[in-house]
Protein backbone atom coordinates (compact mmCIF):
# COMPACT_ATOMS: atom_id res chain seq x y z
CA MET A 1 79.35 131.67 -12.49
CA THR A 2 77.22 134.63 -14.17
CA TRP A 3 76.26 137.99 -13.21
CA ARG A 4 72.83 136.59 -12.72
CA ASP A 5 73.86 134.00 -10.29
CA GLU A 6 75.43 136.34 -8.24
CA ALA A 7 72.61 138.78 -8.31
CA GLY A 8 70.36 136.18 -7.31
CA HIS A 9 72.42 135.35 -4.52
CA PHE A 10 72.48 139.06 -3.75
CA ALA A 11 68.78 139.36 -3.83
CA PHE A 12 68.34 136.00 -1.98
CA GLY A 13 70.62 137.34 1.11
CA ALA A 14 68.86 141.08 1.12
CA GLY A 15 65.46 139.28 1.19
CA ILE A 16 66.60 137.16 4.00
CA ALA A 17 67.99 140.16 6.14
CA ILE A 18 64.75 142.21 5.43
CA GLY A 19 62.46 139.36 5.95
CA THR A 20 63.67 137.87 9.31
CA GLY A 21 65.24 141.27 10.55
CA GLY A 22 61.79 142.92 10.79
CA SER A 23 62.16 146.49 11.85
CA THR A 24 64.09 146.35 15.08
CA CYS A 25 66.68 143.40 14.69
CA TRP A 26 69.04 143.75 11.77
CA GLN A 27 71.52 141.69 13.47
CA LEU A 28 69.46 138.56 13.11
CA GLY A 29 68.60 139.24 9.60
CA LEU A 30 72.52 139.84 8.76
CA GLY A 31 73.39 136.43 10.70
CA LEU A 32 70.68 134.47 9.08
CA ALA A 33 71.75 135.88 5.64
CA GLY A 34 75.26 134.78 6.41
CA THR A 35 74.32 131.27 7.70
CA ALA A 36 72.43 130.68 4.62
CA GLY A 37 75.52 131.49 2.41
CA LEU A 38 77.54 128.98 4.51
CA LEU A 39 74.66 126.51 4.16
CA LYS A 40 74.64 126.79 0.44
CA ALA A 41 78.73 126.31 0.48
CA ALA A 42 78.25 123.29 1.96
CA TRP A 43 75.37 121.77 0.16
CA ASP A 44 77.48 122.59 -2.94
CA SER A 45 80.63 120.79 -1.56
CA GLU A 46 78.67 117.64 -1.24
CA GLY A 47 78.44 117.51 -4.85
CA HIS A 48 75.49 119.21 -5.72
CA SER A 49 77.15 122.27 -7.59
CA HIS A 50 80.38 123.83 -7.50
CA VAL A 51 81.52 125.89 -4.42
CA GLU A 52 82.17 129.47 -5.29
CA ALA A 53 83.46 132.07 -2.94
CA LEU A 54 81.56 134.85 -4.75
CA ASP A 55 78.30 133.14 -4.31
CA PHE A 56 78.79 133.37 -0.37
CA GLY A 57 80.36 137.08 -0.99
CA ALA A 58 77.15 138.07 -2.81
CA THR A 59 74.93 136.35 -0.15
CA VAL A 60 76.62 138.20 2.39
CA ALA A 61 76.65 141.65 0.61
CA GLY A 62 72.92 141.37 0.00
CA GLY A 63 72.60 140.47 3.67
CA VAL A 64 74.56 143.64 4.43
CA THR A 65 72.25 145.80 2.21
CA GLY A 66 69.15 144.41 3.65
CA ALA A 67 70.50 144.88 7.28
CA VAL A 68 71.36 148.61 6.69
CA MET A 69 67.89 149.04 5.15
CA VAL A 70 66.39 147.40 8.20
CA ALA A 71 68.54 149.45 10.30
CA LEU A 72 67.66 152.89 8.85
CA ALA A 73 64.09 152.04 8.49
């Protein structure tokens, strides 16, 4: 775990929320960012990496930030 790893997860979550939320559906973007975080944790749990709660948290935090940006746009 490094700050760069968490920053990457944050950026990925924000990108999903902004990219899929468009200008009208911030809920969709937030939901997809959370789903992506869960799927990544499931992938990691299959032995591909270590499951880290901070990875999921950073992805969701990015999703929330992106969703707020979409909602306010």
